[in-house]
Amino acid sequence: MGDPESDEHLRIFKCLVDTGSDVLRYTVERKMLINTSFEQYLNQNKHKFYHQFEKRRYKPCCSGNPHNCVVNGKMDKKIFFKMYNKKAELDTQDCLDRFEVNADISLDKLDLSDINFFLWNSATLSPQEEQSLKAIMTTRSAICHSSSSREFSLDELENFWLSFKE
């Protein structure tokens, strides 16, 4: 890019998107996918993720059976439809049975926000891992939502690097 601030901004962005995503994908595999594939994990948790996506609890979820499911958390619509496909368009009161795991989904297709959702909802992170994930996501938000690559001084960019080392 030419100037030191822009070059450093780009270096942090690349680190977050490439290295950060790889590290978080590895954490998902190590913490959540023990003796199971990502597809199996999505199938096993479809009911929970459905309720995190579809918050209207008065609707039946499984073949028309009324339920009293209480599921904490919220799954963004974009994440849900990245993971699951509708296999039937027929209006079945948003029935869970009409969704199946997207055949093309893999950990490699998840971005930082997707991975962040799964890690936070897994309840498998240690306090240190939670702090590290927060640091990655806070830095990602600051870097990716800045108005210019020159928005940060070299000192501020250096502080981002230091936060990763802690």
C-alpha atoms as a PDB file:
ATOM      1  CA  MET A   1       0.000   0.000   0.000  1.00  0.00           C
ATOM      2  CA  GLY A   2       2.962   2.294   0.487  1.00  0.00           C
ATOM      3  CA  ASP A   3       2.767   4.029   3.849  1.00  0.00           C
ATOM      4  CA  PRO A   4       3.723   2.234   7.118  1.00  0.00           C
ATOM      5  CA  GLU A   5       0.251   2.501   8.725  1.00  0.00           C
ATOM      6  CA  SER A   6      -1.473   0.990   5.702  1.00  0.00           C
ATOM      7  CA  ASP A   7       1.097  -1.792   5.426  1.00  0.00           C
ATOM      8  CA  GLU A   8       0.711  -2.648   9.113  1.00  0.00           C
ATOM      9  CA  HIS A   9      -3.093  -2.525   8.827  1.00  0.00           C
ATOM     10  CA  LEU A  10      -2.934  -4.978   5.922  1.00  0.00           C
ATOM     11  CA  ARG A  11      -0.554  -7.260   7.830  1.00  0.00           C
ATOM     12  CA  ILE A  12      -2.924  -7.460  10.802  1.00  0.00           C
ATOM     13  CA  PHE A  13      -5.912  -8.021   8.497  1.00  0.00           C
ATOM     14  CA  LYS A  14      -4.091 -10.866   6.739  1.00  0.00           C
ATOM     15  CA  CYS A  15      -3.092 -12.380  10.074  1.00  0.00           C
ATOM     16  CA  LEU A  16      -6.689 -12.274  11.329  1.00  0.00           C
ATOM     17  CA  VAL A  17      -8.294 -13.651   8.187  1.00  0.00           C
ATOM     18  CA  ASP A  18      -5.698 -16.301   7.369  1.00  0.00           C
ATOM     19  CA  THR A  19      -3.870 -17.329  10.521  1.00  0.00           C
ATOM     20  CA  GLY A  20      -6.667 -16.406  12.948  1.00  0.00           C
ATOM     21  CA  SER A  21      -9.223 -18.443  11.023  1.00  0.00           C
ATOM     22  CA  ASP A  22      -6.873 -21.436  10.827  1.00  0.00           C
ATOM     23  CA  VAL A  23      -6.209 -21.310  14.570  1.00  0.00           C
ATOM     24  CA  LEU A  24      -9.921 -21.058  15.385  1.00  0.00           C
ATOM     25  CA  ARG A  25     -10.791 -23.900  12.985  1.00  0.00           C
ATOM     26  CA  TYR A  26      -8.196 -26.052  14.727  1.00  0.00           C
ATOM     27  CA  THR A  27      -9.762 -25.090  18.088  1.00  0.00           C
ATOM     28  CA  VAL A  28     -13.191 -26.204  16.815  1.00  0.00           C
ATOM     29  CA  GLU A  29     -11.722 -29.549  15.759  1.00  0.00           C
ATOM     30  CA  ARG A  30      -9.869 -29.996  19.055  1.00  0.00           C
ATOM     31  CA  LYS A  31     -12.678 -28.847  21.367  1.00  0.00           C
ATOM     32  CA  MET A  32     -15.914 -29.737  19.595  1.00  0.00           C
ATOM     33  CA  LEU A  33     -15.327 -32.434  16.996  1.00  0.00           C
ATOM     34  CA  ILE A  34     -13.892 -35.177  19.152  1.00  0.00           C
ATOM     35  CA  ASN A  35     -14.692 -38.485  17.405  1.00  0.00           C
ATOM     36  CA  THR A  36     -17.190 -36.780  15.087  1.00  0.00           C
ATOM     37  CA  SER A  37     -17.229 -34.900  11.810  1.00  0.00           C
ATOM     38  CA  PHE A  38     -18.487 -31.347  11.376  1.00  0.00           C
ATOM     39  CA  GLU A  39     -21.485 -32.683   9.427  1.00  0.00           C
ATOM     40  CA  GLN A  40     -22.338 -35.103  12.250  1.00  0.00           C
ATOM     41  CA  TYR A  41     -21.967 -32.275  14.772  1.00  0.00           C
ATOM     42  CA  LEU A  42     -24.423 -30.138  12.785  1.00  0.00           C
ATOM     43  CA  ASN A  43     -26.902 -33.017  12.590  1.00  0.00           C
ATOM     44  CA  GLN A  44     -26.597 -33.741  16.314  1.00  0.00           C
ATOM     45  CA  ASN A  45     -27.170 -30.068  17.190  1.00  0.00           C
ATOM     46  CA  LYS A  46     -29.764 -29.191  14.543  1.00  0.00           C
ATOM     47  CA  HIS A  47     -32.584 -28.992  17.091  1.00  0.00           C
ATOM     48  CA  LYS A  48     -30.654 -26.544  19.299  1.00  0.00           C
ATOM     49  CA  PHE A  49     -29.485 -24.444  16.348  1.00  0.00           C
ATOM     50  CA  TYR A  50     -32.998 -24.392  14.903  1.00  0.00           C
ATOM     51  CA  HIS A  51     -34.327 -22.882  18.134  1.00  0.00           C
ATOM     52  CA  GLN A  52     -31.453 -20.400  18.274  1.00  0.00           C
ATOM     53  CA  PHE A  53     -32.384 -19.363  14.739  1.00  0.00           C
ATOM     54  CA  GLU A  54     -36.185 -19.541  15.006  1.00  0.00           C
ATOM     55  CA  LYS A  55     -37.040 -17.798  18.260  1.00  0.00           C
ATOM     56  CA  ARG A  56     -40.838 -18.049  17.900  1.00  0.00           C
ATOM     57  CA  ARG A  57     -41.329 -20.836  20.430  1.00  0.00           C
ATOM     58  CA  TYR A  58     -45.050 -21.258  19.840  1.00  0.00           C
ATOM     59  CA  LYS A  59     -44.353 -23.081  16.588  1.00  0.00           C
ATOM     60  CA  PRO A  60     -43.891 -26.859  16.511  1.00  0.00           C
ATOM     61  CA  CYS A  61     -40.402 -28.030  15.665  1.00  0.00           C
ATOM     62  CA  CYS A  62     -40.533 -31.773  15.053  1.00  0.00           C
ATOM     63  CA  SER A  63     -43.188 -33.268  12.785  1.00  0.00           C
ATOM     64  CA  GLY A  64     -45.937 -31.101  14.211  1.00  0.00           C
ATOM     65  CA  ASN A  65     -45.347 -32.025  17.852  1.00  0.00           C
ATOM     66  CA  PRO A  66     -45.862 -29.102  20.209  1.00  0.00           C
ATOM     67  CA  HIS A  67     -42.885 -28.470  22.441  1.00  0.00           C
ATOM     68  CA  ASN A  68     -41.676 -26.489  25.355  1.00  0.00           C
ATOM     69  CA  CYS A  69     -38.074 -26.129  24.233  1.00  0.00           C
ATOM     70  CA  VAL A  70     -35.982 -23.539  25.987  1.00  0.00           C
ATOM     71  CA  VAL A  71     -32.718 -22.925  24.159  1.00  0.00           C
ATOM     72  CA  ASN A  72     -30.389 -20.094  25.041  1.00  0.00           C
ATOM     73  CA  GLY A  73     -28.444 -18.150  22.451  1.00  0.00           C
ATOM     74  CA  LYS A  74     -29.212 -16.800  19.017  1.00  0.00           C
ATOM     75  CA  MET A  75     -27.968 -18.091  15.691  1.00  0.00           C
ATOM     76  CA  ASP A  76     -27.891 -15.515  12.934  1.00  0.00           C
ATOM     77  CA  LYS A  77     -30.038 -16.322   9.890  1.00  0.00           C
ATOM     78  CA  LYS A  78     -26.962 -16.177   7.614  1.00  0.00           C
ATOM     79  CA  ILE A  79     -25.122 -18.746   9.705  1.00  0.00           C
ATOM     80  CA  PHE A  80     -28.145 -21.074   9.912  1.00  0.00           C
ATOM     81  CA  PHE A  81     -28.675 -21.055   6.157  1.00  0.00           C
ATOM     82  CA  LYS A  82     -24.953 -21.510   5.528  1.00  0.00           C
ATOM     83  CA  MET A  83     -25.139 -24.727   7.588  1.00  0.00           C
ATOM     84  CA  TYR A  84     -28.582 -26.019   6.603  1.00  0.00           C
ATOM     85  CA  ASN A  85     -30.679 -26.273   3.442  1.00  0.00           C
ATOM     86  CA  LYS A  86     -34.434 -26.458   3.197  1.00  0.00           C
ATOM     87  CA  LYS A  87     -35.305 -29.858   1.793  1.00  0.00           C
ATOM     88  CA  ALA A  88     -38.993 -28.999   1.547  1.00  0.00           C
ATOM     89  CA  GLU A  89     -40.627 -25.687   0.687  1.00  0.00           C
ATOM     90  CA  LEU A  90     -43.996 -26.868   1.954  1.00  0.00           C
ATOM     91  CA  ASP A  91     -45.129 -24.726   4.868  1.00  0.00           C
ATOM     92  CA  THR A  92     -44.903 -27.047   7.817  1.00  0.00           C
ATOM     93  CA  GLN A  93     -45.002 -24.376  10.504  1.00  0.00           C
ATOM     94  CA  ASP A  94     -41.208 -23.983  10.184  1.00  0.00           C
ATOM     95  CA  CYS A  95     -40.841 -27.638  11.052  1.00  0.00           C
ATOM     96  CA  LEU A  96     -37.325 -28.745  11.921  1.00  0.00           C
ATOM     97  CA  ASP A  97     -37.699 -31.819   9.713  1.00  0.00           C
ATOM     98  CA  ARG A  98     -37.581 -29.768   6.536  1.00  0.00           C
ATOM     99  CA  PHE A  99     -33.925 -28.780   7.083  1.00  0.00           C
ATOM    100  CA  GLU A 100     -30.852 -30.842   6.310  1.00  0.00           C
ATOM    101  CA  VAL A 101     -27.133 -30.178   6.668  1.00  0.00           C
ATOM    102  CA  ASN A 102     -25.745 -28.408   3.625  1.00  0.00           C
ATOM    103  CA  ALA A 103     -23.753 -31.063   1.749  1.00  0.00           C
ATOM    104  CA  ASP A 104     -21.088 -28.522   0.760  1.00  0.00           C
ATOM    105  CA  ILE A 105     -20.401 -27.164   4.249  1.00  0.00           C
ATOM    106  CA  SER A 106     -17.028 -27.637   5.885  1.00  0.00           C
ATOM    107  CA  LEU A 107     -14.959 -25.850   8.497  1.00  0.00           C
ATOM    108  CA  ASP A 108     -12.869 -24.366   5.685  1.00  0.00           C
ATOM    109  CA  LYS A 109     -15.917 -22.442   4.454  1.00  0.00           C
ATOM    110  CA  LEU A 110     -16.552 -20.727   7.783  1.00  0.00           C
ATOM    111  CA  ASP A 111     -15.421 -17.159   8.393  1.00  0.00           C
ATOM    112  CA  LEU A 112     -14.330 -15.741  11.749  1.00  0.00           C
ATOM    113  CA  SER A 113     -17.877 -14.761  12.744  1.00  0.00           C
ATOM    114  CA  ASP A 114     -19.219 -18.258  12.046  1.00  0.00           C
ATOM    115  CA  ILE A 115     -16.395 -19.923  13.967  1.00  0.00           C
ATOM    116  CA  ASN A 116     -16.837 -17.454  16.816  1.00  0.00           C
ATOM    117  CA  PHE A 117     -20.527 -18.428  17.090  1.00  0.00           C
ATOM    118  CA  PHE A 118     -19.749 -22.143  17.329  1.00  0.00           C
ATOM    119  CA  LEU A 119     -16.936 -21.712  19.836  1.00  0.00           C
ATOM    120  CA  TRP A 120     -18.940 -19.418  22.144  1.00  0.00           C
ATOM    121  CA  ASN A 121     -21.945 -21.737  22.033  1.00  0.00           C
ATOM    122  CA  SER A 122     -19.896 -24.876  22.622  1.00  0.00           C
ATOM    123  CA  ALA A 123     -19.238 -24.082  26.309  1.00  0.00           C
ATOM    124  CA  THR A 124     -15.886 -25.858  25.931  1.00  0.00           C
ATOM    125  CA  LEU A 125     -13.504 -22.912  26.178  1.00  0.00           C
ATOM    126  CA  SER A 126     -11.310 -22.245  29.183  1.00  0.00           C
ATOM    127  CA  PRO A 127     -11.289 -18.690  30.585  1.00  0.00           C
ATOM    128  CA  GLN A 128      -7.923 -18.092  28.852  1.00  0.00           C
ATOM    129  CA  GLU A 129      -9.341 -19.327  25.524  1.00  0.00           C
ATOM    130  CA  GLU A 130     -12.390 -17.097  25.963  1.00  0.00           C
ATOM    131  CA  GLN A 131     -10.116 -14.092  26.507  1.00  0.00           C
ATOM    132  CA  SER A 132      -8.079 -14.988  23.412  1.00  0.00           C
ATOM    133  CA  LEU A 133     -11.219 -15.358  21.303  1.00  0.00           C
ATOM    134  CA  LYS A 134     -12.485 -11.982  22.551  1.00  0.00           C
ATOM    135  CA  ALA A 135      -9.146 -10.374  21.644  1.00  0.00           C
ATOM    136  CA  ILE A 136      -9.247 -11.844  18.139  1.00  0.00           C
ATOM    137  CA  MET A 137     -12.840 -10.782  17.521  1.00  0.00           C
ATOM    138  CA  THR A 138     -12.394  -7.301  19.021  1.00  0.00           C
ATOM    139  CA  THR A 139      -9.349  -6.694  16.853  1.00  0.00           C
ATOM    140  CA  ARG A 140     -11.139  -8.129  13.830  1.00  0.00           C
ATOM    141  CA  SER A 141     -14.041  -5.724  14.343  1.00  0.00           C
ATOM    142  CA  ALA A 142     -11.744  -2.733  14.761  1.00  0.00           C
ATOM    143  CA  ILE A 143      -9.618  -3.591  11.728  1.00  0.00           C
ATOM    144  CA  CYS A 144     -12.385  -4.741   9.390  1.00  0.00           C
ATOM    145  CA  HIS A 145     -14.801  -1.932  10.211  1.00  0.00           C
ATOM    146  CA  SER A 146     -12.350   0.937  10.056  1.00  0.00           C
ATOM    147  CA  SER A 147     -13.077   3.705   7.587  1.00  0.00           C
ATOM    148  CA  SER A 148      -9.501   3.720   6.260  1.00  0.00           C
ATOM    149  CA  SER A 149      -6.331   1.693   6.493  1.00  0.00           C
ATOM    150  CA  ARG A 150      -4.725   4.901   7.812  1.00  0.00           C
ATOM    151  CA  GLU A 151      -7.229   5.288  10.643  1.00  0.00           C
ATOM    152  CA  PHE A 152      -4.808   3.821  13.186  1.00  0.00           C
ATOM    153  CA  SER A 153      -1.410   5.146  14.196  1.00  0.00           C
ATOM    154  CA  LEU A 154       1.579   2.811  14.208  1.00  0.00           C
ATOM    155  CA  ASP A 155       1.364   2.764  18.028  1.00  0.00           C
ATOM    156  CA  GLU A 156      -2.278   1.655  17.917  1.00  0.00           C
ATOM    157  CA  LEU A 157      -1.442  -1.077  15.397  1.00  0.00           C
ATOM    158  CA  GLU A 158       1.446  -2.211  17.581  1.00  0.00           C
ATOM    159  CA  ASN A 159      -1.006  -2.477  20.491  1.00  0.00           C
ATOM    160  CA  PHE A 160      -3.170  -4.822  18.395  1.00  0.00           C
ATOM    161  CA  TRP A 161      -0.134  -7.069  17.887  1.00  0.00           C
ATOM    162  CA  LEU A 162       0.649  -6.979  21.587  1.00  0.00           C
ATOM    163  CA  SER A 163      -2.911  -8.010  22.463  1.00  0.00           C
ATOM    164  CA  PHE A 164      -2.399 -11.196  20.412  1.00  0.00           C
ATOM    165  CA  LYS A 165       0.768 -12.049  22.312  1.00  0.00           C
ATOM    166  CA  GLU A 166      -0.897 -11.861  25.724  1.00  0.00           C
END
